[in-house]
């Protein structure tokens, strides 16, 4: 009896009430703009119809079954996996190398950091238009190649090259942000560790492998998760540059959802695909966090 009364008083004390009052606006916004849309998306994935006078109706797992049997969907999944892996790896390796180099260059660190970070603040639509102009059949890149007697490459007309253009753009866009984050992480590693390693005869590679990487573990987790999410939600570059072509080779999952929802007006099917994307994202984030926590 005393224990339950203590818990009741604890829940209603002044500090607890004040805490709930202060966090309630954030909770309302969280419920309104995150929890409710996700719940409605999940509900919509079990329905068919449209938002007209006819309305929607319950179809159960039919939309998910259609996903399993749709060869276009599995091609889009393959495109998305390839695009994500091919973008995430250089988006982590290149910024990490640049951050290590800039961390030693005190004179030009500020200028170079700003220069590398600029792509991160440029609109993806504007960057996509620029890349489309660069990689057109008669664009600047092919003009540069032909000026040296090389053959022009059908960048946007070939299935393999079109995806590479998207990967280059996405890597270029994410490079500056990750580099600044890695630079911040490098500042948290005590210089005394490197001094002790030098006294023990460790070379630069050994210092990087045994001091820098373990010291950047939380930073690596953060950059990996944010980069994976950035690539999985890629839409603008596909919409502006390739439109999913040629032959559906650059159609990524978010663009596929957009097409099904706003071109075909198949909202239930699109909601099912979006639910699959949400599940993939949450699973990848969980696996990454679990892997790094175990290490």
Protein backbone atom coordinates (compact mmCIF):
# COMPACT_ATOMS: atom_id res chain seq x y z
CA UNK A 1 0.00 0.00 0.00
CA UNK A 2 2.80 2.37 0.91
CA UNK A 3 4.73 1.49 -2.25
CA UNK A 4 1.78 2.21 -4.56
CA UNK A 5 1.07 5.50 -2.76
CA UNK A 6 4.72 6.49 -3.17
CA UNK A 7 4.60 5.75 -6.90
CA UNK A 8 1.38 7.76 -7.27
CA UNK A 9 2.87 10.74 -5.44
CA UNK A 10 6.06 10.43 -7.49
CA UNK A 11 4.07 10.62 -10.74
CA UNK A 12 2.25 13.72 -9.58
CA UNK A 13 5.06 15.65 -7.94
CA UNK A 14 5.90 19.15 -9.16
CA UNK A 15 9.03 18.18 -11.09
CA UNK A 16 7.27 15.41 -12.99
CA UNK A 17 4.30 17.61 -13.87
CA UNK A 18 6.63 20.39 -15.02
CA UNK A 19 8.59 17.93 -17.16
CA UNK A 20 5.42 16.69 -18.88
CA UNK A 21 4.27 20.27 -19.45
CA UNK A 22 7.56 21.19 -21.12
CA UNK A 23 7.77 18.11 -23.36
CA UNK A 24 4.08 18.03 -24.28
CA UNK A 25 4.44 20.41 -27.28
CA UNK A 26 7.21 18.22 -28.71
CA UNK A 27 5.14 15.09 -28.07
CA UNK A 28 2.13 16.61 -29.83
CA UNK A 29 4.26 17.51 -32.86
CA UNK A 30 5.83 14.04 -32.81
CA UNK A 31 2.45 12.35 -32.76
CA UNK A 32 0.98 14.68 -35.37
CA UNK A 33 3.78 14.70 -37.94
CA UNK A 34 5.55 11.35 -37.42
CA UNK A 35 3.50 8.74 -35.56
CA UNK A 36 0.15 9.50 -37.20
CA UNK A 37 1.50 9.60 -40.81
CA UNK A 38 3.33 6.30 -40.27
CA UNK A 39 0.23 4.68 -38.77
CA UNK A 40 -1.95 6.00 -41.61
CA UNK A 41 0.57 4.80 -44.19
CA UNK A 42 0.48 1.33 -42.65
CA UNK A 43 -3.34 1.35 -42.72
CA UNK A 44 -3.39 2.62 -46.31
CA UNK A 45 -1.18 -0.27 -47.43
CA UNK A 46 -4.09 -2.64 -46.69
CA UNK A 47 -6.57 -0.69 -48.81
CA UNK A 48 -7.30 0.03 -52.46
CA UNK A 49 -9.23 2.76 -54.25
CA UNK A 50 -8.59 6.49 -54.32
CA UNK A 51 -9.30 9.67 -52.41
CA UNK A 52 -12.33 10.48 -54.54
CA UNK A 53 -16.02 10.11 -53.78
CA UNK A 54 -15.69 6.34 -54.21
CA UNK A 55 -13.21 6.21 -51.34
CA UNK A 56 -10.91 3.39 -50.28
CA UNK A 57 -11.78 -0.15 -49.27
CA UNK A 58 -10.01 -2.92 -47.35
CA UNK A 59 -8.08 -5.51 -49.38
CA UNK A 60 -5.91 -7.08 -46.69
CA UNK A 61 -2.49 -8.31 -47.82
CA UNK A 62 -3.29 -8.04 -51.53
CA UNK A 63 -0.95 -5.06 -52.09
CA UNK A 64 1.97 -6.86 -50.44
CA UNK A 65 1.24 -9.97 -52.52
CA UNK A 66 1.32 -7.82 -55.65
CA UNK A 67 4.72 -6.52 -54.59
CA UNK A 68 6.08 -10.04 -54.25
CA UNK A 69 4.87 -11.02 -57.72
CA UNK A 70 5.87 -7.80 -59.51
CA UNK A 71 9.15 -8.18 -61.42
CA UNK A 72 9.45 -4.39 -61.78
CA UNK A 73 9.41 -4.04 -58.00
CA UNK A 74 12.24 -6.53 -57.58
CA UNK A 75 14.24 -4.76 -60.27
CA UNK A 76 13.73 -1.51 -58.36
CA UNK A 77 14.86 -3.22 -55.14
CA UNK A 78 18.01 -4.44 -56.93
CA UNK A 79 18.65 -0.96 -58.31
CA UNK A 80 18.22 0.55 -54.85
CA UNK A 81 20.56 -1.95 -53.16
CA UNK A 82 23.24 -1.42 -55.81
CA UNK A 83 22.87 2.36 -55.66
CA UNK A 84 22.98 2.40 -51.85
CA UNK A 85 26.08 0.22 -51.50
CA UNK A 86 27.94 1.96 -54.33
CA UNK A 87 27.13 5.37 -52.82
CA UNK A 88 27.66 4.69 -49.12
CA UNK A 89 31.16 3.19 -49.43
CA UNK A 90 32.85 6.11 -51.24
CA UNK A 91 30.74 8.58 -49.23
CA UNK A 92 32.47 7.28 -46.12
CA UNK A 93 35.96 6.40 -47.37
CA UNK A 94 36.69 9.61 -49.33
CA UNK A 95 35.49 12.05 -46.62
CA UNK A 96 37.39 10.11 -43.96
CA UNK A 97 40.62 10.37 -45.96
CA UNK A 98 40.05 14.07 -46.62
CA UNK A 99 39.29 14.70 -42.95
CA UNK A 100 42.51 13.00 -41.84
CA UNK A 101 44.52 15.10 -44.33
CA UNK A 102 42.77 18.36 -43.43
CA UNK A 103 43.20 17.67 -39.73
CA UNK A 104 46.96 17.97 -40.28
CA UNK A 105 46.78 21.04 -42.54
CA UNK A 106 46.17 23.89 -40.11
CA UNK A 107 46.78 26.69 -42.63
CA UNK A 108 44.15 25.76 -45.22
CA UNK A 109 41.77 23.77 -43.05
CA UNK A 110 39.07 26.45 -42.85
CA UNK A 111 39.10 27.30 -46.56
CA UNK A 112 39.16 23.69 -47.76
CA UNK A 113 36.51 22.64 -45.25
CA UNK A 114 34.20 25.36 -46.56
CA UNK A 115 34.93 24.44 -50.19
CA UNK A 116 34.20 20.75 -49.62
CA UNK A 117 31.07 21.53 -47.62
CA UNK A 118 29.48 23.74 -50.29
CA UNK A 119 27.89 20.83 -52.25
CA UNK A 120 25.97 19.84 -49.13
CA UNK A 121 24.00 23.10 -49.10
CA UNK A 122 23.22 23.12 -52.83
CA UNK A 123 19.72 22.03 -53.80
CA UNK A 124 19.63 18.52 -55.21
CA UNK A 125 17.39 19.75 -58.03
CA UNK A 126 19.92 22.42 -59.01
CA UNK A 127 22.78 19.95 -58.70
CA UNK A 128 20.84 17.42 -60.77
CA UNK A 129 20.24 19.93 -63.56
CA UNK A 130 23.94 20.76 -63.54
CA UNK A 131 24.96 17.12 -63.73
CA UNK A 132 22.47 16.45 -66.51
CA UNK A 133 24.02 19.28 -68.52
CA UNK A 134 27.52 17.94 -67.83
CA UNK A 135 26.74 14.35 -68.80
CA UNK A 136 24.49 14.88 -71.83
CA UNK A 137 25.56 13.29 -75.11
CA UNK A 138 26.96 16.64 -76.27
CA UNK A 139 27.65 17.96 -72.79
CA UNK A 140 30.82 19.28 -71.21
CA UNK A 141 32.18 15.88 -70.16
CA UNK A 142 31.92 14.36 -73.64
CA UNK A 143 33.31 17.56 -75.19
CA UNK A 144 36.31 17.21 -72.90
CA UNK A 145 36.77 13.55 -73.87
CA UNK A 146 36.48 14.17 -77.61
CA UNK A 147 38.98 17.04 -77.38
CA UNK A 148 41.59 14.40 -76.48
CA UNK A 149 40.48 12.10 -79.29
CA UNK A 150 38.48 9.81 -77.03
CA UNK A 151 35.05 8.43 -77.88
CA UNK A 152 31.99 10.10 -76.36
CA UNK A 153 30.19 8.03 -73.72
CA UNK A 154 26.37 7.74 -73.70
CA UNK A 155 26.20 8.61 -70.02
CA UNK A 156 22.44 9.00 -69.73
CA UNK A 157 21.48 6.61 -72.54
CA UNK A 158 23.26 3.52 -71.24
CA UNK A 159 21.95 1.46 -68.33
CA UNK A 160 25.30 1.10 -66.57
CA UNK A 161 26.58 4.62 -67.10
CA UNK A 162 23.28 6.28 -66.08
CA UNK A 163 23.43 4.67 -62.65
CA UNK A 164 27.08 5.69 -62.30
CA UNK A 165 26.11 9.32 -62.93
CA UNK A 166 23.56 9.12 -60.09
CA UNK A 167 26.16 7.54 -57.80
CA UNK A 168 28.70 10.27 -58.59
CA UNK A 169 26.15 13.00 -57.88
CA UNK A 170 24.99 11.44 -54.61
CA UNK A 171 28.56 10.86 -53.41
CA UNK A 172 29.54 14.42 -54.33
CA UNK A 173 26.49 15.74 -52.47
CA UNK A 174 27.20 13.81 -49.26
CA UNK A 175 30.99 14.17 -49.27
CA UNK A 176 31.26 17.58 -47.58
CA UNK A 177 28.81 16.85 -44.77
CA UNK A 178 30.52 13.59 -43.82
CA UNK A 179 33.95 15.21 -44.01
CA UNK A 180 32.96 17.97 -41.55
CA UNK A 181 31.50 15.36 -39.19
CA UNK A 182 34.70 13.29 -39.37
CA UNK A 183 36.78 16.42 -38.72
CA UNK A 184 34.73 17.11 -35.61
CA UNK A 185 35.24 13.51 -34.50
CA UNK A 186 38.99 13.73 -35.03
CA UNK A 187 39.14 16.73 -32.69
CA UNK A 188 37.85 14.55 -29.84
CA UNK A 189 40.80 12.11 -30.04
CA UNK A 190 43.49 13.15 -27.54
CA UNK A 191 46.82 14.01 -29.25
CA UNK A 192 48.62 12.21 -26.42
CA UNK A 193 47.55 8.88 -27.91
CA UNK A 194 49.37 9.63 -31.16
CA UNK A 195 52.43 10.87 -29.25
CA UNK A 196 52.55 7.67 -27.22
CA UNK A 197 52.14 5.59 -30.39
CA UNK A 198 55.03 7.43 -32.07
CA UNK A 199 57.24 6.76 -29.05
CA UNK A 200 56.35 3.09 -29.35
CA UNK A 201 57.41 3.11 -33.01
CA UNK A 202 53.95 2.92 -34.63
CA UNK A 203 53.82 4.17 -38.22
CA UNK A 204 51.01 6.32 -39.67
CA UNK A 205 48.96 3.38 -40.89
CA UNK A 206 49.16 1.65 -37.50
CA UNK A 207 48.13 4.88 -35.78
CA UNK A 208 45.17 5.25 -38.14
CA UNK A 209 44.04 1.66 -37.69
CA UNK A 210 44.50 1.37 -33.92
CA UNK A 211 43.82 4.95 -32.75
CA UNK A 212 41.89 6.95 -35.35
CA UNK A 213 39.29 4.34 -36.36
CA UNK A 214 38.46 3.22 -32.77
CA UNK A 215 38.28 6.87 -31.72
CA UNK A 216 35.87 7.60 -34.57
CA UNK A 217 33.54 4.69 -33.84
CA UNK A 218 30.55 6.84 -32.71
CA UNK A 219 31.15 9.20 -35.62
CA UNK A 220 31.28 6.30 -38.08
CA UNK A 221 27.98 4.97 -36.75
CA UNK A 222 26.34 8.38 -37.19
CA UNK A 223 27.71 9.01 -40.69
CA UNK A 224 26.88 5.49 -41.87
CA UNK A 225 23.28 5.74 -40.71
CA UNK A 226 22.74 9.23 -42.13
CA UNK A 227 24.35 8.29 -45.46
CA UNK A 228 22.27 5.12 -45.79
CA UNK A 229 19.09 7.08 -45.09
CA UNK A 230 20.16 9.78 -47.57
CA UNK A 231 20.68 7.23 -50.33
CA UNK A 232 17.52 5.24 -49.60
CA UNK A 233 15.35 8.35 -49.88
CA UNK A 234 16.97 9.50 -53.14
CA UNK A 235 14.36 10.98 -55.44
CA UNK A 236 15.39 14.34 -56.88
CA UNK A 237 18.41 13.09 -58.82
CA UNK A 238 16.36 10.35 -60.48
CA UNK A 239 13.48 12.71 -61.25
CA UNK A 240 15.71 15.42 -62.74
CA UNK A 241 18.40 13.41 -64.54
CA UNK A 242 17.09 10.03 -65.73
CA UNK A 243 13.39 9.69 -64.91
CA UNK A 244 14.10 6.08 -63.94
CA UNK A 245 15.47 5.16 -67.36
CA UNK A 246 16.85 3.86 -69.53
CA UNK A 247 14.74 0.68 -69.37
CA UNK A 248 13.96 1.16 -65.67
CA UNK A 249 17.66 0.75 -64.82
CA UNK A 250 17.86 3.80 -62.54
CA UNK A 251 14.40 3.56 -61.01
CA UNK A 252 14.92 3.68 -57.24
CA UNK A 253 12.38 2.75 -54.60
CA UNK A 254 11.28 6.28 -53.64
CA UNK A 255 10.82 7.25 -57.29
CA UNK A 256 8.91 4.02 -57.87
CA UNK A 257 6.59 4.87 -54.96
CA UNK A 258 6.06 8.34 -56.40
CA UNK A 259 5.16 6.91 -59.81
CA UNK A 260 2.68 4.42 -58.40
CA UNK A 261 1.04 6.99 -56.13
CA UNK A 262 0.92 10.13 -58.27
CA UNK A 263 1.15 8.80 -61.84
CA UNK A 264 -0.86 5.59 -61.51
CA UNK A 265 -2.93 6.79 -58.50
CA UNK A 266 -2.53 3.35 -56.92
CA UNK A 267 -2.16 4.69 -53.39
CA UNK A 268 -2.60 1.42 -51.54
CA UNK A 269 0.08 -0.32 -53.58
CA UNK A 270 2.39 2.69 -53.21
CA UNK A 271 1.77 2.70 -49.44
CA UNK A 272 2.75 -0.97 -49.29
CA UNK A 273 6.00 -0.20 -51.13
CA UNK A 274 6.62 2.75 -48.78
CA UNK A 275 6.04 0.49 -45.78
CA UNK A 276 8.62 -1.93 -47.17
CA UNK A 277 11.07 0.99 -47.53
CA UNK A 278 10.42 2.04 -43.93
CA UNK A 279 11.00 -1.51 -42.74
CA UNK A 280 14.25 -1.80 -44.69
CA UNK A 281 15.49 1.50 -43.28
CA UNK A 282 14.66 0.57 -39.68
CA UNK A 283 16.25 -2.87 -40.10
CA UNK A 284 19.48 -1.42 -41.50
CA UNK A 285 19.70 1.17 -38.73
CA UNK A 286 19.11 -1.55 -36.11
CA UNK A 287 21.77 -3.84 -37.60
CA UNK A 288 24.31 -1.03 -37.82
CA UNK A 289 23.74 0.04 -34.22
CA UNK A 290 23.89 -3.54 -32.99
CA UNK A 291 27.08 -4.27 -34.95
CA UNK A 292 28.90 -1.23 -33.61
CA UNK A 293 27.70 -1.82 -30.03
CA UNK A 294 29.03 -5.38 -30.16
CA UNK A 295 32.40 -4.13 -31.37
